[in-house]
PDB file of all heavy atoms in Angstrom:
ATOM      1  N   VAL A   1     103.116  88.711  54.671  1.00  0.00           N
ATOM      2  CA  VAL A   1     102.622  88.278  55.978  1.00  0.00           C
ATOM      3  C   VAL A   1     103.010  89.279  57.052  1.00  0.00           C
ATOM      4  O   VAL A   1     104.169  89.688  57.147  1.00  0.00           O
ATOM      5  CB  VAL A   1     103.177  86.886  56.349  1.00  0.00           C
ATOM      6  CG1 VAL A   1     102.657  86.459  57.721  1.00  0.00           C
ATOM      7  CG2 VAL A   1     102.775  85.846  55.299  1.00  0.00           C
ATOM      8  N   GLU A   2     102.031  89.671  57.868  1.00  0.00           N
ATOM      9  CA  GLU A   2     102.265  90.568  59.009  1.00  0.00           C
ATOM     10  C   GLU A   2     101.898  89.829  60.291  1.00  0.00           C
ATOM     11  O   GLU A   2     100.813  89.256  60.406  1.00  0.00           O
ATOM     12  CB  GLU A   2     101.422  91.834  58.884  1.00  0.00           C
ATOM     13  CG  GLU A   2     101.627  92.825  60.026  1.00  0.00           C
ATOM     14  CD  GLU A   2     100.834  94.108  59.856  1.00  0.00           C
ATOM     15  OE1 GLU A   2     100.422  94.410  58.714  1.00  0.00           O
ATOM     16  OE2 GLU A   2     100.611  94.807  60.866  1.00  0.00           O
ATOM     17  N   PHE A   3     102.813  89.826  61.249  1.00  0.00           N
ATOM     18  CA  PHE A   3     102.608  89.136  62.518  1.00  0.00           C
ATOM     19  C   PHE A   3     102.197  90.145  63.587  1.00  0.00           C
ATOM     20  O   PHE A   3     102.859  91.169  63.778  1.00  0.00           O
ATOM     21  CB  PHE A   3     103.888  88.424  62.950  1.00  0.00           C
ATOM     22  CG  PHE A   3     104.375  87.399  61.953  1.00  0.00           C
ATOM     23  CD1 PHE A   3     105.298  87.749  60.967  1.00  0.00           C
ATOM     24  CD2 PHE A   3     103.913  86.098  61.991  1.00  0.00           C
ATOM     25  CE1 PHE A   3     105.742  86.812  60.054  1.00  0.00           C
ATOM     26  CE2 PHE A   3     104.351  85.150  61.083  1.00  0.00           C
ATOM     27  CZ  PHE A   3     105.269  85.513  60.108  1.00  0.00           C
ATOM     28  N   ILE A   4     101.101  89.847  64.284  1.00  0.00           N
ATOM     29  CA  ILE A   4     100.601  90.727  65.347  1.00  0.00           C
ATOM     30  C   ILE A   4     100.414  89.884  66.606  1.00  0.00           C
ATOM     31  O   ILE A   4      99.614  88.947  66.622  1.00  0.00           O
ATOM     32  CB  ILE A   4      99.264  91.388  64.950  1.00  0.00           C
ATOM     33  CG1 ILE A   4      99.415  92.128  63.615  1.00  0.00           C
ATOM     34  CG2 ILE A   4      98.794  92.344  66.044  1.00  0.00           C
ATOM     35  CD1 ILE A   4      98.111  92.667  63.062  1.00  0.00           C
ATOM     36  N   THR A   5     101.158  90.215  67.663  1.00  0.00           N
ATOM     37  CA  THR A   5     101.135  89.401  68.876  1.00  0.00           C
ATOM     38  C   THR A   5     100.462  90.130  70.038  1.00  0.00           C
ATOM     39  O   THR A   5     100.211  91.332  69.991  1.00  0.00           O
ATOM     40  CB  THR A   5     102.562  89.019  69.294  1.00  0.00           C
ATOM     41  OG1 THR A   5     103.312  90.217  69.541  1.00  0.00           O
ATOM     42  CG2 THR A   5     103.247  88.211  68.217  1.00  0.00           C
ATOM     43  N   ASN A   6     100.173  89.355  71.081  1.00  0.00           N
ATOM     44  CA  ASN A   6      99.600  89.868  72.327  1.00  0.00           C
ATOM     45  C   ASN A   6      98.245  90.550  72.105  1.00  0.00           C
ATOM     46  O   ASN A   6      97.978  91.617  72.656  1.00  0.00           O
ATOM     47  CB  ASN A   6     100.577  90.841  72.993  1.00  0.00           C
ATOM     48  CG  ASN A   6     100.407  90.886  74.498  1.00  0.00           C
ATOM     49  OD1 ASN A   6      99.909  89.936  75.106  1.00  0.00           O
ATOM     50  ND2 ASN A   6     100.780  91.987  75.118  1.00  0.00           N
ATOM     51  N   VAL A   7      97.406  89.906  71.308  1.00  0.00           N
ATOM     52  CA  VAL A   7      96.086  90.462  71.017  1.00  0.00           C
ATOM     53  C   VAL A   7      94.999  89.415  71.257  1.00  0.00           C
ATOM     54  O   VAL A   7      95.243  88.221  71.181  1.00  0.00           O
ATOM     55  CB  VAL A   7      95.980  90.982  69.568  1.00  0.00           C
ATOM     56  CG1 VAL A   7      96.949  92.130  69.331  1.00  0.00           C
ATOM     57  CG2 VAL A   7      96.222  89.864  68.552  1.00  0.00           C
ATOM     58  N   ALA A   8      93.808  89.902  71.560  1.00  0.00           N
ATOM     59  CA  ALA A   8      92.639  89.038  71.740  1.00  0.00           C
ATOM     60  C   ALA A   8      91.608  89.390  70.674  1.00  0.00           C
ATOM     61  O   ALA A   8      91.200  90.555  70.571  1.00  0.00           O
ATOM     62  CB  ALA A   8      92.034  89.235  73.129  1.00  0.00           C
ATOM     63  N   VAL A   9      91.220  88.414  69.884  1.00  0.00           N
ATOM     64  CA  VAL A   9      90.224  88.649  68.835  1.00  0.00           C
ATOM     65  C   VAL A   9      88.849  88.755  69.493  1.00  0.00           C
ATOM     66  O   VAL A   9      88.449  87.894  70.268  1.00  0.00           O
ATOM     67  CB  VAL A   9      90.238  87.515  67.795  1.00  0.00           C
ATOM     68  CG1 VAL A   9      89.184  87.767  66.721  1.00  0.00           C
ATOM     69  CG2 VAL A   9      91.628  87.396  67.168  1.00  0.00           C
ATOM     70  N   LYS A  10      88.112  89.826  69.165  1.00  0.00           N
ATOM     71  CA  LYS A  10      86.848  90.107  69.853  1.00  0.00           C
ATOM     72  C   LYS A  10      85.615  89.867  68.998  1.00  0.00           C
ATOM     73  O   LYS A  10      84.568  89.462  69.497  1.00  0.00           O
ATOM     74  CB  LYS A  10      86.842  91.555  70.361  1.00  0.00           C
ATOM     75  CG  LYS A  10      87.875  91.829  71.445  1.00  0.00           C
ATOM     76  CD  LYS A  10      87.849  93.272  71.907  1.00  0.00           C
ATOM     77  CE  LYS A  10      86.557  93.602  72.640  1.00  0.00           C
ATOM     78  NZ  LYS A  10      86.584  95.000  73.163  1.00  0.00           N
ATOM     79  N   GLU A  11      85.709  90.141  67.695  1.00  0.00           N
ATOM     80  CA  GLU A  11      84.499  90.042  66.864  1.00  0.00           C
ATOM     81  C   GLU A  11      84.860  89.927  65.390  1.00  0.00           C
ATOM     82  O   GLU A  11      85.850  90.505  64.931  1.00  0.00           O
ATOM     83  CB  GLU A  11      83.617  91.273  67.077  1.00  0.00           C
ATOM     84  CG  GLU A  11      82.283  91.202  66.352  1.00  0.00           C
ATOM     85  CD  GLU A  11      81.387  92.406  66.627  1.00  0.00           C
ATOM     86  OE1 GLU A  11      81.809  93.303  67.383  1.00  0.00           O
ATOM     87  OE2 GLU A  11      80.259  92.443  66.077  1.00  0.00           O
ATOM     88  N   ILE A  12      84.056  89.152  64.675  1.00  0.00           N
ATOM     89  CA  ILE A  12      84.144  89.059  63.219  1.00  0.00           C
ATOM     90  C   ILE A  12      82.885  89.694  62.649  1.00  0.00           C
ATOM     91  O   ILE A  12      81.776  89.353  63.058  1.00  0.00           O
ATOM     92  CB  ILE A  12      84.264  87.585  62.764  1.00  0.00           C
ATOM     93  CG1 ILE A  12      85.529  86.954  63.340  1.00  0.00           C
ATOM     94  CG2 ILE A  12      84.259  87.492  61.244  1.00  0.00           C
ATOM     95  CD1 ILE A  12      85.584  85.446  63.213  1.00  0.00           C
ATOM     96  N   LYS A  13      83.053  90.619  61.710  1.00  0.00           N
ATOM     97  CA  LYS A  13      81.918  91.382  61.203  1.00  0.00           C
ATOM     98  C   LYS A  13      81.770  91.205  59.692  1.00  0.00           C
ATOM     99  O   LYS A  13      82.717  90.843  58.997  1.00  0.00           O
ATOM    100  CB  LYS A  13      82.087  92.869  61.548  1.00  0.00           C
ATOM    101  CG  LYS A  13      82.179  93.152  63.048  1.00  0.00           C
ATOM    102  CD  LYS A  13      82.484  94.609  63.344  1.00  0.00           C
ATOM    103  CE  LYS A  13      81.358  95.527  62.950  1.00  0.00           C
ATOM    104  NZ  LYS A  13      81.652  96.936  63.324  1.00  0.00           N
ATOM    105  N   GLY A  14      80.553  91.464  59.227  1.00  0.00           N
ATOM    106  CA  GLY A  14      80.292  91.407  57.803  1.00  0.00           C
ATOM    107  C   GLY A  14      78.811  91.523  57.522  1.00  0.00           C
ATOM    108  O   GLY A  14      78.009  91.767  58.441  1.00  0.00           O
ATOM    109  N   THR A  15      78.444  91.366  56.260  1.00  0.00           N
ATOM    110  CA  THR A  15      77.030  91.339  55.880  1.00  0.00           C
ATOM    111  C   THR A  15      76.725  89.929  55.351  1.00  0.00           C
ATOM    112  O   THR A  15      76.395  89.044  56.121  1.00  0.00           O
ATOM    113  CB  THR A  15      76.726  92.423  54.826  1.00  0.00           C
ATOM    114  OG1 THR A  15      77.688  92.331  53.768  1.00  0.00           O
ATOM    115  CG2 THR A  15      76.775  93.810  55.452  1.00  0.00           C
ATOM    116  N   LYS A  16      76.901  89.732  54.066  1.00  0.00           N
ATOM    117  CA  LYS A  16      76.718  88.382  53.534  1.00  0.00           C
ATOM    118  C   LYS A  16      77.985  87.551  53.686  1.00  0.00           C
ATOM    119  O   LYS A  16      77.929  86.326  53.722  1.00  0.00           O
ATOM    120  CB  LYS A  16      76.325  88.448  52.051  1.00  0.00           C
ATOM    121  CG  LYS A  16      74.938  89.038  51.810  1.00  0.00           C
ATOM    122  CD  LYS A  16      74.596  89.006  50.329  1.00  0.00           C
ATOM    123  CE  LYS A  16      73.192  89.547  50.084  1.00  0.00           C
ATOM    124  NZ  LYS A  16      72.848  89.535  48.632  1.00  0.00           N
ATOM    125  N   PHE A  17      79.130  88.225  53.758  1.00  0.00           N
ATOM    126  CA  PHE A  17      80.435  87.573  53.835  1.00  0.00           C
ATOM    127  C   PHE A  17      81.298  88.347  54.826  1.00  0.00           C
ATOM    128  O   PHE A  17      80.984  89.504  55.152  1.00  0.00           O
ATOM    129  CB  PHE A  17      81.088  87.577  52.436  1.00  0.00           C
ATOM    130  CG  PHE A  17      82.096  86.484  52.224  1.00  0.00           C
ATOM    131  CD1 PHE A  17      81.701  85.215  51.843  1.00  0.00           C
ATOM    132  CD2 PHE A  17      83.453  86.730  52.378  1.00  0.00           C
ATOM    133  CE1 PHE A  17      82.630  84.210  51.625  1.00  0.00           C
ATOM    134  CE2 PHE A  17      84.390  85.737  52.159  1.00  0.00           C
ATOM    135  CZ  PHE A  17      83.977  84.470  51.780  1.00  0.00           C
ATOM    136  N   VAL A  18      82.338  87.741  55.332  1.00  0.00           N
ATOM    137  CA  VAL A  18      83.237  88.427  56.271  1.00  0.00           C
ATOM    138  C   VAL A  18      83.818  89.689  55.633  1.00  0.00           C
ATOM    139  O   VAL A  18      84.282  89.663  54.488  1.00  0.00           O
ATOM    140  CB  VAL A  18      84.377  87.494  56.708  1.00  0.00           C
ATOM    141  CG1 VAL A  18      85.474  88.269  57.439  1.00  0.00           C
ATOM    142  CG2 VAL A  18      83.854  86.380  57.601  1.00  0.00           C
ATOM    143  N   GLU A  19      83.775  90.781  56.403  1.00  0.00           N
ATOM    144  CA  GLU A  19      84.305  92.061  55.908  1.00  0.00           C
ATOM    145  C   GLU A  19      85.374  92.662  56.811  1.00  0.00           C
ATOM    146  O   GLU A  19      86.226  93.431  56.355  1.00  0.00           O
ATOM    147  CB  GLU A  19      83.159  93.061  55.733  1.00  0.00           C
ATOM    148  CG  GLU A  19      82.158  92.645  54.675  1.00  0.00           C
ATOM    149  CD  GLU A  19      80.935  93.549  54.626  1.00  0.00           C
ATOM    150  OE1 GLU A  19      80.873  94.515  55.431  1.00  0.00           O
ATOM    151  OE2 GLU A  19      80.037  93.297  53.814  1.00  0.00           O
ATOM    152  N   SER A  20      85.345  92.341  58.117  1.00  0.00           N
ATOM    153  CA  SER A  20      86.355  92.903  59.014  1.00  0.00           C
ATOM    154  C   SER A  20      86.476  92.069  60.283  1.00  0.00           C
ATOM    155  O   SER A  20      85.638  91.198  60.553  1.00  0.00           O
ATOM    156  CB  SER A  20      86.016  94.357  59.383  1.00  0.00           C
ATOM    157  OG  SER A  20      84.843  94.407  60.176  1.00  0.00           O
ATOM    158  N   LEU A  21      87.516  92.365  61.037  1.00  0.00           N
ATOM    159  CA  LEU A  21      87.765  91.686  62.310  1.00  0.00           C
ATOM    160  C   LEU A  21      88.255  92.713  63.328  1.00  0.00           C
ATOM    161  O   LEU A  21      89.048  93.607  62.986  1.00  0.00           O
ATOM    162  CB  LEU A  21      88.797  90.578  62.110  1.00  0.00           C
ATOM    163  CG  LEU A  21      89.263  89.804  63.351  1.00  0.00           C
ATOM    164  CD1 LEU A  21      89.505  88.330  62.995  1.00  0.00           C
ATOM    165  CD2 LEU A  21      90.547  90.403  63.926  1.00  0.00           C
ATOM    166  N   ILE A  22      87.785  92.584  64.559  1.00  0.00           N
ATOM    167  CA  ILE A  22      88.201  93.481  65.644  1.00  0.00           C
ATOM    168  C   ILE A  22      89.040  92.692  66.642  1.00  0.00           C
ATOM    169  O   ILE A  22      88.638  91.619  67.092  1.00  0.00           O
ATOM    170  CB  ILE A  22      86.987  94.099  66.362  1.00  0.00           C
ATOM    171  CG1 ILE A  22      86.157  94.948  65.383  1.00  0.00           C
ATOM    172  CG2 ILE A  22      87.440  94.953  67.559  1.00  0.00           C
ATOM    173  CD1 ILE A  22      84.854  95.458  65.978  1.00  0.00           C
ATOM    174  N   TYR A  23      90.210  93.266  66.970  1.00  0.00           N
ATOM    175  CA  TYR A  23      91.042  92.657  68.012  1.00  0.00           C
ATOM    176  C   TYR A  23      91.451  93.712  69.026  1.00  0.00           C
ATOM    177  O   TYR A  23      91.509  94.901  68.720  1.00  0.00           O
ATOM    178  CB  TYR A  23      92.265  91.952  67.417  1.00  0.00           C
ATOM    179  CG  TYR A  23      93.288  92.855  66.770  1.00  0.00           C
ATOM    180  CD1 TYR A  23      94.259  93.530  67.535  1.00  0.00           C
ATOM    181  CD2 TYR A  23      93.326  93.022  65.380  1.00  0.00           C
ATOM    182  CE1 TYR A  23      95.199  94.341  66.945  1.00  0.00           C
ATOM    183  CE2 TYR A  23      94.263  93.836  64.785  1.00  0.00           C
ATOM    184  CZ  TYR A  23      95.203  94.495  65.573  1.00  0.00           C
ATOM    185  OH  TYR A  23      96.141  95.308  64.978  1.00  0.00           O
ATOM    186  N   GLU A  24      91.732  93.235  70.237  1.00  0.00           N
ATOM    187  CA  GLU A  24      92.133  94.127  71.327  1.00  0.00           C
ATOM    188  C   GLU A  24      93.609  93.919  71.659  1.00  0.00           C
ATOM    189  O   GLU A  24      94.073  92.785  71.808  1.00  0.00           O
ATOM    190  CB  GLU A  24      91.298  93.835  72.580  1.00  0.00           C
ATOM    191  CG  GLU A  24      91.705  94.662  73.794  1.00  0.00           C
ATOM    192  CD  GLU A  24      90.994  94.211  75.059  1.00  0.00           C
ATOM    193  OE1 GLU A  24      90.014  93.443  74.946  1.00  0.00           O
ATOM    194  OE2 GLU A  24      91.428  94.605  76.163  1.00  0.00           O
ATOM    195  N   ASP A  25      94.337  95.021  71.769  1.00  0.00           N
ATOM    196  CA  ASP A  25      95.715  94.959  72.239  1.00  0.00           C
ATOM    197  C   ASP A  25      95.685  94.654  73.729  1.00  0.00           C
ATOM    198  O   ASP A  25      95.139  95.416  74.520  1.00  0.00           O
ATOM    199  CB  ASP A  25      96.416  96.295  71.985  1.00  0.00           C
ATOM    200  CG  ASP A  25      97.899  96.238  72.325  1.00  0.00           C
ATOM    201  OD1 ASP A  25      98.238  95.854  73.461  1.00  0.00           O
ATOM    202  OD2 ASP A  25      98.717  96.614  71.469  1.00  0.00           O
ATOM    203  N   ARG A  26      96.280  93.551  74.135  1.00  0.00           N
ATOM    204  CA  ARG A  26      96.172  93.105  75.528  1.00  0.00           C
ATOM    205  C   ARG A  26      96.985  93.981  76.487  1.00  0.00           C
ATOM    206  O   ARG A  26      96.754  93.943  77.694  1.00  0.00           O
ATOM    207  CB  ARG A  26      96.610  91.641  75.645  1.00  0.00           C
ATOM    208  CG  ARG A  26      95.684  90.694  74.885  1.00  0.00           C
ATOM    209  CD  ARG A  26      96.125  89.249  74.987  1.00  0.00           C
ATOM    210  NE  ARG A  26      96.152  88.812  76.360  1.00  0.00           N
ATOM    211  CZ  ARG A  26      97.159  88.171  76.929  1.00  0.00           C
ATOM    212  NH1 ARG A  26      98.272  87.922  76.237  1.00  0.00           N
ATOM    213  NH2 ARG A  26      97.104  87.792  78.175  1.00  0.00           N
TER     214      ARG A  26
END
């Protein structure tokens, strides 16, 4: 498990299934 704080999730990407996620460092 990796904990990442102070971020805002911006977009979930993929084709038929989820492939990636974009977050912004606040």
